[in-house]
Amino acid sequence: MPLLNDLLDFSDHPLMPPPSAQLFAEHLPVEWIQHCLTLSAHATVRRRRLPGDMVIWMVVAMAFFRNEPITDVVRRLNLSADGEAGMNLLARSAVTQARQRVGAAPVEWLFHQTAQTWGAERYQKDDWHGLQLFAIDGAQFRTPDEPELREHYGSANTSTERQSAYPVMRLVALMNLGSHMLLDAATAPYRR
């Protein structure tokens, strides 16, 4: 994947300047970003320091820089309306509030759009005897111990009075084995 190659090139050369949101913009059509923002439950009139489109870029970048704090990702990519996402100019709470303001629906739509588009692409060495290879796998994750999460996902041992220490979420995903592209994913409560 060209985007992954660009990011790997960046990580191989630590003295290079950090990539900008422009790097991601080369691989994600701006129309997709604009459309997914129309799905946000929260409309805003004022122009914020961290507008919705920048929040979407931030979420995409978080997948590539997953070992870094979110605020560092914002600063690394200089994601802000005025182009000044410096250390003292953008509060951590602003990043959290921006993610909450945009919500999950735009990111979910973008995931499905990219999976549908890129998942249909064929790559060299992607075939086995003329067939594409896919895998389905699942996992369980402990979530933060919040009442809403426990009510939605449940516990690992809900057949008794006792509950596990954390709510447990199940995840299942479909992946192309050649490109490692996730084509679909779903979460569900532990007992369902």
Foldseek 3Di string as FASTA:
>chain_A
DVLVVVLVVCVVDVVDQFAALVSVCVPDPVVLLVVLQVVFPADDDDFFFQDSSLLLSLVVVCVVVVVDDSLVSCVSRQHTPVSDSDPPPDDPVNSVVSDVRSDDRSVVSSLQVCLVVVVPDDDVVQDDVNHGDKDKDKDKDFDPADPVLCVFQNAQPPVDPDGDPGFMKMKMWMAGPVVRRTNDMDIGHNPD
